[in-house]
Amino acid sequence: MDINTANEWAEALKALAHPTRLQIVTELLKGTKCVTDIQDILPASQSNISQHLTVLRHANLVDYAQDGSLRCYYVSRPRLIQGIVALLAENEPVLRKGKQDIDREKQQEGRSCGVSCGR
């Protein structure tokens, strides 16, 4: 992975790494909403919601259409957001490995590439 891709992905993940922003994008997946609509759903002030929307917009995760004096927001990368939310919703159990498991993996890796894989 090149550094530009890594930076882009990190920015998207950082933008989603806040409970209010996760709530906002899951609400926007249901349909386009204005700030006042979101304010009716979430326990946050209009200015706080607007700040979160700005973060999401700068990460290219949401965008808006102007409706008179209102900005109506929507998810601009729905497949990405749906995929991330779906993965989080799976609630995958935490994987724990013991020393024996790790040693076994190292041995298998060594055999699979025929050398110590640069270690």
PDB file of N, CA and C in Angstrom:
ATOM      1  N   MET A   1       0.854  -1.178   0.000  1.00  0.00           N
ATOM      2  CA  MET A   1       0.000   0.000   0.000  1.00  0.00           C
ATOM      3  C   MET A   1       0.900   1.242   0.000  1.00  0.00           C
ATOM      4  N   ASP A   2       0.605   2.171  -0.872  1.00  0.00           N
ATOM      5  CA  ASP A   2       1.418   3.388  -0.900  1.00  0.00           C
ATOM      6  C   ASP A   2       0.959   4.357   0.189  1.00  0.00           C
ATOM      7  N   ILE A   3       1.789   5.334   0.497  1.00  0.00           N
ATOM      8  CA  ILE A   3       1.537   6.263   1.597  1.00  0.00           C
ATOM      9  C   ILE A   3       0.302   7.121   1.356  1.00  0.00           C
ATOM     10  N   ASN A   4       0.033   7.496   0.097  1.00  0.00           N
ATOM     11  CA  ASN A   4      -1.142   8.315  -0.187  1.00  0.00           C
ATOM     12  C   ASN A   4      -2.428   7.557   0.119  1.00  0.00           C
ATOM     13  N   THR A   5      -2.469   6.290  -0.275  1.00  0.00           N
ATOM     14  CA  THR A   5      -3.631   5.467   0.020  1.00  0.00           C
ATOM     15  C   THR A   5      -3.779   5.281   1.519  1.00  0.00           C
ATOM     16  N   ALA A   6      -2.683   5.004   2.197  1.00  0.00           N
ATOM     17  CA  ALA A   6      -2.717   4.833   3.650  1.00  0.00           C
ATOM     18  C   ALA A   6      -3.240   6.094   4.335  1.00  0.00           C
ATOM     19  N   ASN A   7      -2.781   7.256   3.889  1.00  0.00           N
ATOM     20  CA  ASN A   7      -3.246   8.517   4.476  1.00  0.00           C
ATOM     21  C   ASN A   7      -4.733   8.743   4.221  1.00  0.00           C
ATOM     22  N   GLU A   8      -5.175   8.459   3.001  1.00  0.00           N
ATOM     23  CA  GLU A   8      -6.587   8.642   2.659  1.00  0.00           C
ATOM     24  C   GLU A   8      -7.472   7.731   3.512  1.00  0.00           C
ATOM     25  N   TRP A   9      -7.081   6.481   3.624  1.00  0.00           N
ATOM     26  CA  TRP A   9      -7.870   5.529   4.417  1.00  0.00           C
ATOM     27  C   TRP A   9      -7.870   5.915   5.895  1.00  0.00           C
ATOM     28  N   ALA A  10      -6.719   6.351   6.386  1.00  0.00           N
ATOM     29  CA  ALA A  10      -6.625   6.761   7.786  1.00  0.00           C
ATOM     30  C   ALA A  10      -7.535   7.956   8.065  1.00  0.00           C
ATOM     31  N   GLU A  11      -7.588   8.899   7.143  1.00  0.00           N
ATOM     32  CA  GLU A  11      -8.462  10.070   7.328  1.00  0.00           C
ATOM     33  C   GLU A  11      -9.929   9.659   7.385  1.00  0.00           C
ATOM     34  N   ALA A  12     -10.329   8.742   6.521  1.00  0.00           N
ATOM     35  CA  ALA A  12     -11.720   8.270   6.534  1.00  0.00           C
ATOM     36  C   ALA A  12     -12.027   7.568   7.849  1.00  0.00           C
ATOM     37  N   LEU A  13     -11.117   6.727   8.296  1.00  0.00           N
ATOM     38  CA  LEU A  13     -11.345   6.005   9.556  1.00  0.00           C
ATOM     39  C   LEU A  13     -11.346   6.960  10.746  1.00  0.00           C
ATOM     40  N   LYS A  14     -10.447   7.952  10.729  1.00  0.00           N
ATOM     41  CA  LYS A  14     -10.434   8.937  11.818  1.00  0.00           C
ATOM     42  C   LYS A  14     -11.744   9.718  11.856  1.00  0.00           C
ATOM     43  N   ALA A  15     -12.270  10.042  10.685  1.00  0.00           N
ATOM     44  CA  ALA A  15     -13.526  10.797  10.639  1.00  0.00           C
ATOM     45  C   ALA A  15     -14.672   9.990  11.238  1.00  0.00           C
ATOM     46  N   LEU A  16     -14.627   8.685  11.077  1.00  0.00           N
ATOM     47  CA  LEU A  16     -15.684   7.831  11.619  1.00  0.00           C
ATOM     48  C   LEU A  16     -15.454   7.465  13.083  1.00  0.00           C
ATOM     49  N   ALA A  17     -14.283   7.770  13.609  1.00  0.00           N
ATOM     50  CA  ALA A  17     -13.905   7.337  14.950  1.00  0.00           C
ATOM     51  C   ALA A  17     -14.458   8.245  16.050  1.00  0.00           C
ATOM     52  N   HIS A  18     -15.731   8.558  15.958  1.00  0.00           N
ATOM     53  CA  HIS A  18     -16.404   9.348  16.992  1.00  0.00           C
ATOM     54  C   HIS A  18     -17.854   8.878  17.059  1.00  0.00           C
ATOM     55  N   PRO A  19     -18.371   8.637  18.252  1.00  0.00           N
ATOM     56  CA  PRO A  19     -19.736   8.110  18.365  1.00  0.00           C
ATOM     57  C   PRO A  19     -20.797   8.952  17.654  1.00  0.00           C
ATOM     58  N   THR A  20     -20.707  10.269  17.771  1.00  0.00           N
ATOM     59  CA  THR A  20     -21.707  11.131  17.125  1.00  0.00           C
ATOM     60  C   THR A  20     -21.607  11.028  15.613  1.00  0.00           C
ATOM     61  N   ARG A  21     -20.392  10.985  15.076  1.00  0.00           N
ATOM     62  CA  ARG A  21     -20.247  10.884  13.620  1.00  0.00           C
ATOM     63  C   ARG A  21     -20.734   9.534  13.115  1.00  0.00           C
ATOM     64  N   LEU A  22     -20.499   8.466  13.872  1.00  0.00           N
ATOM     65  CA  LEU A  22     -21.052   7.163  13.485  1.00  0.00           C
ATOM     66  C   LEU A  22     -22.579   7.206  13.477  1.00  0.00           C
ATOM     67  N   GLN A  23     -23.162   7.847  14.476  1.00  0.00           N
ATOM     68  CA  GLN A  23     -24.617   7.977  14.512  1.00  0.00           C
ATOM     69  C   GLN A  23     -25.119   8.796  13.323  1.00  0.00           C
ATOM     70  N   ILE A  24     -24.411   9.854  13.003  1.00  0.00           N
ATOM     71  CA  ILE A  24     -24.824  10.707  11.878  1.00  0.00           C
ATOM     72  C   ILE A  24     -24.812   9.912  10.576  1.00  0.00           C
ATOM     73  N   VAL A  25     -23.714   9.196  10.293  1.00  0.00           N
ATOM     74  CA  VAL A  25     -23.657   8.483   9.012  1.00  0.00           C
ATOM     75  C   VAL A  25     -24.679   7.352   8.953  1.00  0.00           C
ATOM     76  N   THR A  26     -24.945   6.697  10.083  1.00  0.00           N
ATOM     77  CA  THR A  26     -25.961   5.634  10.037  1.00  0.00           C
ATOM     78  C   THR A  26     -27.343   6.225   9.799  1.00  0.00           C
ATOM     79  N   GLU A  27     -27.601   7.398  10.324  1.00  0.00           N
ATOM     80  CA  GLU A  27     -28.882   8.070  10.040  1.00  0.00           C
ATOM     81  C   GLU A  27     -28.950   8.515   8.582  1.00  0.00           C
ATOM     82  N   LEU A  28     -27.829   9.017   8.063  1.00  0.00           N
ATOM     83  CA  LEU A  28     -27.815   9.471   6.670  1.00  0.00           C
ATOM     84  C   LEU A  28     -27.906   8.311   5.684  1.00  0.00           C
ATOM     85  N   LEU A  29     -27.501   7.110   6.108  1.00  0.00           N
ATOM     86  CA  LEU A  29     -27.686   5.945   5.234  1.00  0.00           C
ATOM     87  C   LEU A  29     -29.170   5.684   4.982  1.00  0.00           C
ATOM     88  N   LYS A  30     -30.016   6.123   5.911  1.00  0.00           N
ATOM     89  CA  LYS A  30     -31.466   5.941   5.774  1.00  0.00           C
ATOM     90  C   LYS A  30     -32.068   6.957   4.809  1.00  0.00           C
ATOM     91  N   GLY A  31     -31.335   8.033   4.542  1.00  0.00           N
ATOM     92  CA  GLY A  31     -31.819   9.049   3.610  1.00  0.00           C
ATOM     93  C   GLY A  31     -31.239  10.421   3.923  1.00  0.00           C
ATOM     94  N   THR A  32     -31.380  11.313   2.969  1.00  0.00           N
ATOM     95  CA  THR A  32     -30.868  12.677   3.086  1.00  0.00           C
ATOM     96  C   THR A  32     -31.571  13.410   4.226  1.00  0.00           C
ATOM     97  N   LYS A  33     -30.779  14.151   5.006  1.00  0.00           N
ATOM     98  CA  LYS A  33     -31.331  14.884   6.136  1.00  0.00           C
ATOM     99  C   LYS A  33     -30.647  16.241   6.265  1.00  0.00           C
ATOM    100  N   CYS A  34     -31.399  17.203   6.748  1.00  0.00           N
ATOM    101  CA  CYS A  34     -30.839  18.508   7.065  1.00  0.00           C
ATOM    102  C   CYS A  34     -30.351  18.477   8.511  1.00  0.00           C
ATOM    103  N   VAL A  35     -29.569  19.467   8.895  1.00  0.00           N
ATOM    104  CA  VAL A  35     -29.022  19.517  10.253  1.00  0.00           C
ATOM    105  C   VAL A  35     -30.143  19.475  11.283  1.00  0.00           C
ATOM    106  N   THR A  36     -31.227  20.178  11.026  1.00  0.00           N
ATOM    107  CA  THR A  36     -32.332  20.187  11.990  1.00  0.00           C
ATOM    108  C   THR A  36     -32.969  18.806  12.126  1.00  0.00           C
ATOM    109  N   ASP A  37     -33.017  18.037  11.023  1.00  0.00           N
ATOM    110  CA  ASP A  37     -33.532  16.662  11.096  1.00  0.00           C
ATOM    111  C   ASP A  37     -32.637  15.811  11.990  1.00  0.00           C
ATOM    112  N   ILE A  38     -31.339  15.966  11.821  1.00  0.00           N
ATOM    113  CA  ILE A  38     -30.379  15.195  12.612  1.00  0.00           C
ATOM    114  C   ILE A  38     -30.470  15.618  14.074  1.00  0.00           C
ATOM    115  N   GLN A  39     -30.657  16.909  14.301  1.00  0.00           N
ATOM    116  CA  GLN A  39     -30.766  17.433  15.661  1.00  0.00           C
ATOM    117  C   GLN A  39     -31.984  16.836  16.372  1.00  0.00           C
ATOM    118  N   ASP A  40     -33.056  16.571  15.644  1.00  0.00           N
ATOM    119  CA  ASP A  40     -34.246  15.954  16.233  1.00  0.00           C
ATOM    120  C   ASP A  40     -33.993  14.506  16.647  1.00  0.00           C
ATOM    121  N   ILE A  41     -33.004  13.869  16.014  1.00  0.00           N
ATOM    122  CA  ILE A  41     -32.723  12.443  16.258  1.00  0.00           C
ATOM    123  C   ILE A  41     -31.638  12.251  17.318  1.00  0.00           C
ATOM    124  N   LEU A  42     -30.607  13.088  17.266  1.00  0.00           N
ATOM    125  CA  LEU A  42     -29.450  12.914  18.144  1.00  0.00           C
ATOM    126  C   LEU A  42     -29.434  13.951  19.266  1.00  0.00           C
ATOM    127  N   PRO A  43     -28.911  13.570  20.415  1.00  0.00           N
ATOM    128  CA  PRO A  43     -28.816  14.524  21.532  1.00  0.00           C
ATOM    129  C   PRO A  43     -27.579  15.421  21.397  1.00  0.00           C
ATOM    130  N   ALA A  44     -27.590  16.261  20.381  1.00  0.00           N
ATOM    131  CA  ALA A  44     -26.469  17.171  20.140  1.00  0.00           C
ATOM    132  C   ALA A  44     -27.013  18.494  19.622  1.00  0.00           C
ATOM    133  N   SER A  45     -26.262  19.554  19.862  1.00  0.00           N
ATOM    134  CA  SER A  45     -26.685  20.875  19.396  1.00  0.00           C
ATOM    135  C   SER A  45     -26.469  21.011  17.889  1.00  0.00           C
ATOM    136  N   GLN A  46     -27.134  21.998  17.325  1.00  0.00           N
ATOM    137  CA  GLN A  46     -27.015  22.256  15.891  1.00  0.00           C
ATOM    138  C   GLN A  46     -25.569  22.552  15.524  1.00  0.00           C
ATOM    139  N   SER A  47     -24.883  23.363  16.329  1.00  0.00           N
ATOM    140  CA  SER A  47     -23.494  23.721  16.010  1.00  0.00           C
ATOM    141  C   SER A  47     -22.577  22.501  16.119  1.00  0.00           C
ATOM    142  N   ASN A  48     -22.820  21.625  17.094  1.00  0.00           N
ATOM    143  CA  ASN A  48     -22.015  20.420  17.250  1.00  0.00           C
ATOM    144  C   ASN A  48     -22.222  19.475  16.071  1.00  0.00           C
ATOM    145  N   ILE A  49     -23.457  19.306  15.656  1.00  0.00           N
ATOM    146  CA  ILE A  49     -23.757  18.462  14.497  1.00  0.00           C
ATOM    147  C   ILE A  49     -23.088  19.025  13.247  1.00  0.00           C
ATOM    148  N   SER A  50     -23.150  20.326  13.077  1.00  0.00           N
ATOM    149  CA  SER A  50     -22.514  20.964  11.921  1.00  0.00           C
ATOM    150  C   SER A  50     -21.005  20.737  11.920  1.00  0.00           C
ATOM    151  N   GLN A  51     -20.385  20.804  13.096  1.00  0.00           N
ATOM    152  CA  GLN A  51     -18.945  20.553  13.192  1.00  0.00           C
ATOM    153  C   GLN A  51     -18.620  19.112  12.782  1.00  0.00           C
ATOM    154  N   HIS A  52     -19.420  18.173  13.248  1.00  0.00           N
ATOM    155  CA  HIS A  52     -19.196  16.772  12.887  1.00  0.00           C
ATOM    156  C   HIS A  52     -19.409  16.547  11.390  1.00  0.00           C
ATOM    157  N   LEU A  53     -20.408  17.190  10.830  1.00  0.00           N
ATOM    158  CA  LEU A  53     -20.665  17.067   9.393  1.00  0.00           C
ATOM    159  C   LEU A  53     -19.497  17.633   8.584  1.00  0.00           C
ATOM    160  N   THR A  54     -18.881  18.686   9.068  1.00  0.00           N
ATOM    161  CA  THR A  54     -17.718  19.264   8.399  1.00  0.00           C
ATOM    162  C   THR A  54     -16.570  18.260   8.372  1.00  0.00           C
ATOM    163  N   VAL A  55     -16.328  17.584   9.484  1.00  0.00           N
ATOM    164  CA  VAL A  55     -15.273  16.564   9.533  1.00  0.00           C
ATOM    165  C   VAL A  55     -15.583  15.462   8.522  1.00  0.00           C
ATOM    166  N   LEU A  56     -16.820  14.986   8.508  1.00  0.00           N
ATOM    167  CA  LEU A  56     -17.221  13.922   7.583  1.00  0.00           C
ATOM    168  C   LEU A  56     -17.125  14.375   6.127  1.00  0.00           C
ATOM    169  N   ARG A  57     -17.450  15.635   5.884  1.00  0.00           N
ATOM    170  CA  ARG A  57     -17.386  16.171   4.520  1.00  0.00           C
ATOM    171  C   ARG A  57     -15.936  16.285   4.048  1.00  0.00           C
ATOM    172  N   HIS A  58     -15.044  16.741   4.924  1.00  0.00           N
ATOM    173  CA  HIS A  58     -13.626  16.856   4.558  1.00  0.00           C
ATOM    174  C   HIS A  58     -12.999  15.489   4.299  1.00  0.00           C
ATOM    175  N   ALA A  59     -13.562  14.446   4.890  1.00  0.00           N
ATOM    176  CA  ALA A  59     -13.073  13.081   4.651  1.00  0.00           C
ATOM    177  C   ALA A  59     -13.771  12.446   3.449  1.00  0.00           C
ATOM    178  N   ASN A  60     -14.574  13.238   2.736  1.00  0.00           N
ATOM    179  CA  ASN A  60     -15.315  12.774   1.549  1.00  0.00           C
ATOM    180  C   ASN A  60     -16.264  11.615   1.849  1.00  0.00           C
ATOM    181  N   LEU A  61     -16.850  11.629   3.037  1.00  0.00           N
ATOM    182  CA  LEU A  61     -17.805  10.592   3.415  1.00  0.00           C
ATOM    183  C   LEU A  61     -19.243  11.070   3.287  1.00  0.00           C
ATOM    184  N   VAL A  62     -19.459  12.362   3.454  1.00  0.00           N
ATOM    185  CA  VAL A  62     -20.783  12.955   3.239  1.00  0.00           C
ATOM    186  C   VAL A  62     -20.628  14.203   2.375  1.00  0.00           C
ATOM    187  N   ASP A  63     -21.737  14.616   1.804  1.00  0.00           N
ATOM    188  CA  ASP A  63     -21.784  15.863   1.048  1.00  0.00           C
ATOM    189  C   ASP A  63     -23.169  16.451   1.255  1.00  0.00           C
ATOM    190  N   TYR A  64     -23.420  17.600   0.663  1.00  0.00           N
ATOM    191  CA  TYR A  64     -24.729  18.220   0.847  1.00  0.00           C
ATOM    192  C   TYR A  64     -25.221  18.843  -0.440  1.00  0.00           C
ATOM    193  N   ALA A  65     -26.526  19.024  -0.478  1.00  0.00           N
ATOM    194  CA  ALA A  65     -27.169  19.781  -1.551  1.00  0.00           C
ATOM    195  C   ALA A  65     -27.863  20.957  -0.869  1.00  0.00           C
ATOM    196  N   GLN A  66     -27.789  22.092  -1.492  1.00  0.00           N
ATOM    197  CA  GLN A  66     -28.406  23.296  -0.936  1.00  0.00           C
ATOM    198  C   GLN A  66     -29.885  23.325  -1.303  1.00  0.00           C
ATOM    199  N   ASP A  67     -30.731  23.530  -0.306  1.00  0.00           N
ATOM    200  CA  ASP A  67     -32.175  23.645  -0.507  1.00  0.00           C
ATOM    201  C   ASP A  67     -32.601  24.966   0.108  1.00  0.00           C
ATOM    202  N   GLY A  68     -32.512  26.033  -0.687  1.00  0.00           N
ATOM    203  CA  GLY A  68     -32.761  27.363  -0.144  1.00  0.00           C
ATOM    204  C   GLY A  68     -31.672  27.707   0.844  1.00  0.00           C
ATOM    205  N   SER A  69     -32.060  27.981   2.082  1.00  0.00           N
ATOM    206  CA  SER A  69     -31.068  28.284   3.113  1.00  0.00           C
ATOM    207  C   SER A  69     -30.622  27.028   3.859  1.00  0.00           C
ATOM    208  N   LEU A  70     -31.223  25.891   3.548  1.00  0.00           N
ATOM    209  CA  LEU A  70     -30.883  24.635   4.226  1.00  0.00           C
ATOM    210  C   LEU A  70     -29.866  23.818   3.428  1.00  0.00           C
ATOM    211  N   ARG A  71     -28.987  23.176   4.154  1.00  0.00           N
ATOM    212  CA  ARG A  71     -28.075  22.211   3.550  1.00  0.00           C
ATOM    213  C   ARG A  71     -28.590  20.826   3.925  1.00  0.00           C
ATOM    214  N   CYS A  72     -28.850  20.037   2.922  1.00  0.00           N
ATOM    215  CA  CYS A  72     -29.335  18.679   3.150  1.00  0.00           C
ATOM    216  C   CYS A  72     -28.199  17.710   2.866  1.00  0.00           C
ATOM    217  N   TYR A  73     -27.826  16.947   3.876  1.00  0.00           N
ATOM    218  CA  TYR A  73     -26.653  16.078   3.813  1.00  0.00           C
ATOM    219  C   TYR A  73     -27.025  14.655   3.414  1.00  0.00           C
ATOM    220  N   TYR A  74     -26.079  14.002   2.753  1.00  0.00           N
ATOM    221  CA  TYR A  74     -26.247  12.609   2.341  1.00  0.00           C
ATOM    222  C   TYR A  74     -24.883  11.931   2.376  1.00  0.00           C
ATOM    223  N   VAL A  75     -24.891  10.608   2.436  1.00  0.00           N
ATOM    224  CA  VAL A  75     -23.644   9.837   2.415  1.00  0.00           C
ATOM    225  C   VAL A  75     -23.151   9.803   0.978  1.00  0.00           C
ATOM    226  N   SER A  76     -21.925  10.249   0.767  1.00  0.00           N
ATOM    227  CA  SER A  76     -21.369  10.315  -0.591  1.00  0.00           C
ATOM    228  C   SER A  76     -20.622   9.034  -0.984  1.00  0.00           C
ATOM    229  N   ARG A  77     -20.364   8.173  -0.015  1.00  0.00           N
ATOM    230  CA  ARG A  77     -19.713   6.883  -0.284  1.00  0.00           C
ATOM    231  C   ARG A  77     -20.499   5.787   0.449  1.00  0.00           C
ATOM    232  N   PRO A  78     -21.729   5.545   0.000  1.00  0.00           N
ATOM    233  CA  PRO A  78     -22.604   4.636   0.749  1.00  0.00           C
ATOM    234  C   PRO A  78     -22.079   3.210   0.871  1.00  0.00           C
ATOM    235  N   ARG A  79     -21.474   2.673  -0.171  1.00  0.00           N
ATOM    236  CA  ARG A  79     -20.964   1.290  -0.076  1.00  0.00           C
ATOM    237  C   ARG A  79     -19.884   1.177   0.990  1.00  0.00           C
ATOM    238  N   LEU A  80     -19.011   2.170   1.061  1.00  0.00           N
ATOM    239  CA  LEU A  80     -17.956   2.178   2.068  1.00  0.00           C
ATOM    240  C   LEU A  80     -18.555   2.218   3.470  1.00  0.00           C
ATOM    241  N   ILE A  81     -19.451   3.158   3.698  1.00  0.00           N
ATOM    242  CA  ILE A  81     -20.060   3.314   5.029  1.00  0.00           C
ATOM    243  C   ILE A  81     -20.876   2.079   5.387  1.00  0.00           C
ATOM    244  N   GLN A  82     -21.666   1.573   4.441  1.00  0.00           N
ATOM    245  CA  GLN A  82     -22.463   0.370   4.710  1.00  0.00           C
ATOM    246  C   GLN A  82     -21.558  -0.810   5.060  1.00  0.00           C
ATOM    247  N   GLY A  83     -20.460  -0.949   4.345  1.00  0.00           N
ATOM    248  CA  GLY A  83     -19.528  -2.043   4.610  1.00  0.00           C
ATOM    249  C   GLY A  83     -18.892  -1.945   5.982  1.00  0.00           C
ATOM    250  N   ILE A  84     -18.452  -0.756   6.349  1.00  0.00           N
ATOM    251  CA  ILE A  84     -17.830  -0.561   7.662  1.00  0.00           C
ATOM    252  C   ILE A  84     -18.845  -0.816   8.769  1.00  0.00           C
ATOM    253  N   VAL A  85     -20.046  -0.260   8.623  1.00  0.00           N
ATOM    254  CA  VAL A  85     -21.090  -0.451   9.638  1.00  0.00           C
ATOM    255  C   VAL A  85     -21.463  -1.937   9.746  1.00  0.00           C
ATOM    256  N   ALA A  86     -21.562  -2.609   8.613  1.00  0.00           N
ATOM    257  CA  ALA A  86     -21.893  -4.040   8.627  1.00  0.00           C
ATOM    258  C   ALA A  86     -20.815  -4.849   9.342  1.00  0.00           C
ATOM    259  N   LEU A  87     -19.553  -4.544   9.066  1.00  0.00           N
ATOM    260  CA  LEU A  87     -18.466  -5.251   9.744  1.00  0.00           C
ATOM    261  C   LEU A  87     -18.490  -5.000  11.246  1.00  0.00           C
ATOM    262  N   LEU A  88     -18.725  -3.769  11.645  1.00  0.00           N
ATOM    263  CA  LEU A  88     -18.802  -3.457  13.070  1.00  0.00           C
ATOM    264  C   LEU A  88     -19.994  -4.156  13.725  1.00  0.00           C
ATOM    265  N   ALA A  89     -21.102  -4.238  13.006  1.00  0.00           N
ATOM    266  CA  ALA A  89     -22.312  -4.855  13.549  1.00  0.00           C
ATOM    267  C   ALA A  89     -22.156  -6.364  13.750  1.00  0.00           C
ATOM    268  N   GLU A  90     -21.225  -6.985  13.025  1.00  0.00           N
ATOM    269  CA  GLU A  90     -21.003  -8.420  13.180  1.00  0.00           C
ATOM    270  C   GLU A  90     -20.480  -8.770  14.565  1.00  0.00           C
ATOM    271  N   ASN A  91     -19.861  -7.788  15.229  1.00  0.00           N
ATOM    272  CA  ASN A  91     -19.372  -7.979  16.585  1.00  0.00           C
ATOM    273  C   ASN A  91     -18.482  -9.223  16.686  1.00  0.00           C
ATOM    274  N   GLU A  92     -17.520  -9.305  15.792  1.00  0.00           N
ATOM    275  CA  GLU A  92     -16.601 -10.438  15.733  1.00  0.00           C
ATOM    276  C   GLU A  92     -15.879 -10.593  17.070  1.00  0.00           C
ATOM    277  N   PRO A  93     -15.784 -11.822  17.574  1.00  0.00           N
ATOM    278  CA  PRO A  93     -15.096 -12.018  18.858  1.00  0.00           C
ATOM    279  C   PRO A  93     -13.606 -11.694  18.736  1.00  0.00           C
ATOM    280  N   VAL A  94     -13.031 -11.271  19.831  1.00  0.00           N
ATOM    281  CA  VAL A  94     -11.609 -10.953  19.874  1.00  0.00           C
ATOM    282  C   VAL A  94     -10.814 -12.252  19.813  1.00  0.00           C
ATOM    283  N   LEU A  95      -9.830 -12.270  18.951  1.00  0.00           N
ATOM    284  CA  LEU A  95      -8.986 -13.443  18.768  1.00  0.00           C
ATOM    285  C   LEU A  95      -7.818 -13.377  19.748  1.00  0.00           C
ATOM    286  N   ARG A  96      -7.600 -14.442  20.466  1.00  0.00           N
ATOM    287  CA  ARG A  96      -6.470 -14.516  21.396  1.00  0.00           C
ATOM    288  C   ARG A  96      -5.541 -15.638  20.944  1.00  0.00           C
ATOM    289  N   LYS A  97      -4.234 -15.357  20.929  1.00  0.00           N
ATOM    290  CA  LYS A  97      -3.246 -16.355  20.536  1.00  0.00           C
ATOM    291  C   LYS A  97      -2.261 -16.551  21.684  1.00  0.00           C
ATOM    292  N   GLY A  98      -1.902 -17.799  21.879  1.00  0.00           N
ATOM    293  CA  GLY A  98      -0.873 -18.118  22.854  1.00  0.00           C
ATOM    294  C   GLY A  98       0.475 -18.189  22.182  1.00  0.00           C
ATOM    295  N   LYS A  99       1.520 -18.340  22.999  1.00  0.00           N
ATOM    296  CA  LYS A  99       2.877 -18.419  22.482  1.00  0.00           C
ATOM    297  C   LYS A  99       3.019 -19.593  21.515  1.00  0.00           C
ATOM    298  N   GLN A 100       2.408 -20.724  21.820  1.00  0.00           N
ATOM    299  CA  GLN A 100       2.503 -21.888  20.940  1.00  0.00           C
ATOM    300  C   GLN A 100       1.881 -21.605  19.572  1.00  0.00           C
ATOM    301  N   ASP A 101       0.745 -20.910  19.569  1.00  0.00           N
ATOM    302  CA  ASP A 101       0.097 -20.559  18.296  1.00  0.00           C
ATOM    303  C   ASP A 101       1.003 -19.663  17.455  1.00  0.00           C
ATOM    304  N   ILE A 102       1.622 -18.699  18.106  1.00  0.00           N
ATOM    305  CA  ILE A 102       2.496 -17.760  17.399  1.00  0.00           C
ATOM    306  C   ILE A 102       3.744 -18.475  16.880  1.00  0.00           C
ATOM    307  N   ASP A 103       4.332 -19.340  17.719  1.00  0.00           N
ATOM    308  CA  ASP A 103       5.510 -20.100  17.278  1.00  0.00           C
ATOM    309  C   ASP A 103       5.158 -20.981  16.082  1.00  0.00           C
ATOM    310  N   ARG A 104       3.989 -21.615  16.114  1.00  0.00           N
ATOM    311  CA  ARG A 104       3.549 -22.475  15.012  1.00  0.00           C
ATOM    312  C   ARG A 104       3.396 -21.653  13.723  1.00  0.00           C
ATOM    313  N   GLU A 105       2.815 -20.466  13.836  1.00  0.00           N
ATOM    314  CA  GLU A 105       2.660 -19.596  12.655  1.00  0.00           C
ATOM    315  C   GLU A 105       4.015 -19.206  12.081  1.00  0.00           C
ATOM    316  N   LYS A 106       4.945 -18.865  12.952  1.00  0.00           N
ATOM    317  CA  LYS A 106       6.277 -18.475  12.480  1.00  0.00           C
ATOM    318  C   LYS A 106       6.944 -19.614  11.735  1.00  0.00           C
ATOM    319  N   GLN A 107       6.799 -20.821  12.257  1.00  0.00           N
ATOM    320  CA  GLN A 107       7.383 -21.980  11.586  1.00  0.00           C
ATOM    321  C   GLN A 107       6.734 -22.196  10.221  1.00  0.00           C
ATOM    322  N   GLN A 108       5.409 -22.071  10.152  1.00  0.00           N
ATOM    323  CA  GLN A 108       4.699 -22.262   8.879  1.00  0.00           C
ATOM    324  C   GLN A 108       5.099 -21.190   7.869  1.00  0.00           C
ATOM    325  N   GLU A 109       5.242 -19.966   8.332  1.00  0.00           N
ATOM    326  CA  GLU A 109       5.651 -18.882   7.431  1.00  0.00           C
ATOM    327  C   GLU A 109       7.051 -19.145   6.892  1.00  0.00           C
ATOM    328  N   GLY A 110       7.927 -19.621   7.753  1.00  0.00           N
ATOM    329  CA  GLY A 110       9.298 -19.914   7.333  1.00  0.00           C
ATOM    330  C   GLY A 110       9.346 -20.986   6.276  1.00  0.00           C
ATOM    331  N   ARG A 111       8.512 -21.999   6.418  1.00  0.00           N
ATOM    332  CA  ARG A 111       8.485 -23.084   5.431  1.00  0.00           C
ATOM    333  C   ARG A 111       7.827 -22.621   4.136  1.00  0.00           C
ATOM    334  N   SER A 112       6.808 -21.768   4.261  1.00  0.00           N
ATOM    335  CA  SER A 112       6.074 -21.399   3.059  1.00  0.00           C
ATOM    336  C   SER A 112       6.908 -20.558   2.099  1.00  0.00           C
ATOM    337  N   CYS A 113       7.839 -19.785   2.616  1.00  0.00           N
ATOM    338  CA  CYS A 113       8.653 -18.965   1.706  1.00  0.00           C
ATOM    339  C   CYS A 113      10.053 -19.551   1.522  1.00  0.00           C
ATOM    340  N   GLY A 114      10.385 -20.634   2.255  1.00  0.00           N
ATOM    341  CA  GLY A 114      11.645 -21.322   2.049  1.00  0.00           C
ATOM    342  C   GLY A 114      12.833 -20.698   2.743  1.00  0.00           C
ATOM    343  N   VAL A 115      12.682 -19.505   3.285  1.00  0.00           N
ATOM    344  CA  VAL A 115      13.752 -18.854   4.034  1.00  0.00           C
ATOM    345  C   VAL A 115      13.118 -18.219   5.283  1.00  0.00           C
ATOM    346  N   SER A 116      13.883 -17.466   5.985  1.00  0.00           N
ATOM    347  CA  SER A 116      13.342 -16.853   7.194  1.00  0.00           C
ATOM    348  C   SER A 116      12.547 -15.584   6.895  1.00  0.00           C
ATOM    349  N   CYS A 117      12.207 -15.375   5.655  1.00  0.00           N
ATOM    350  CA  CYS A 117      11.373 -14.235   5.213  1.00  0.00           C
ATOM    351  C   CYS A 117      11.956 -12.885   5.625  1.00  0.00           C
ATOM    352  N   GLY A 118      13.278 -12.783   5.575  1.00  0.00           N
ATOM    353  CA  GLY A 118      13.913 -11.498   5.849  1.00  0.00           C
ATOM    354  C   GLY A 118      14.041 -11.165   7.315  1.00  0.00           C
ATOM    355  N   ARG A 119      13.770 -12.127   8.190  1.00  0.00           N
ATOM    356  CA  ARG A 119      13.900 -11.837   9.624  1.00  0.00           C
ATOM    357  C   ARG A 119      15.247 -12.256  10.138  1.00  0.00           C
TER     358      ARG A 119
END
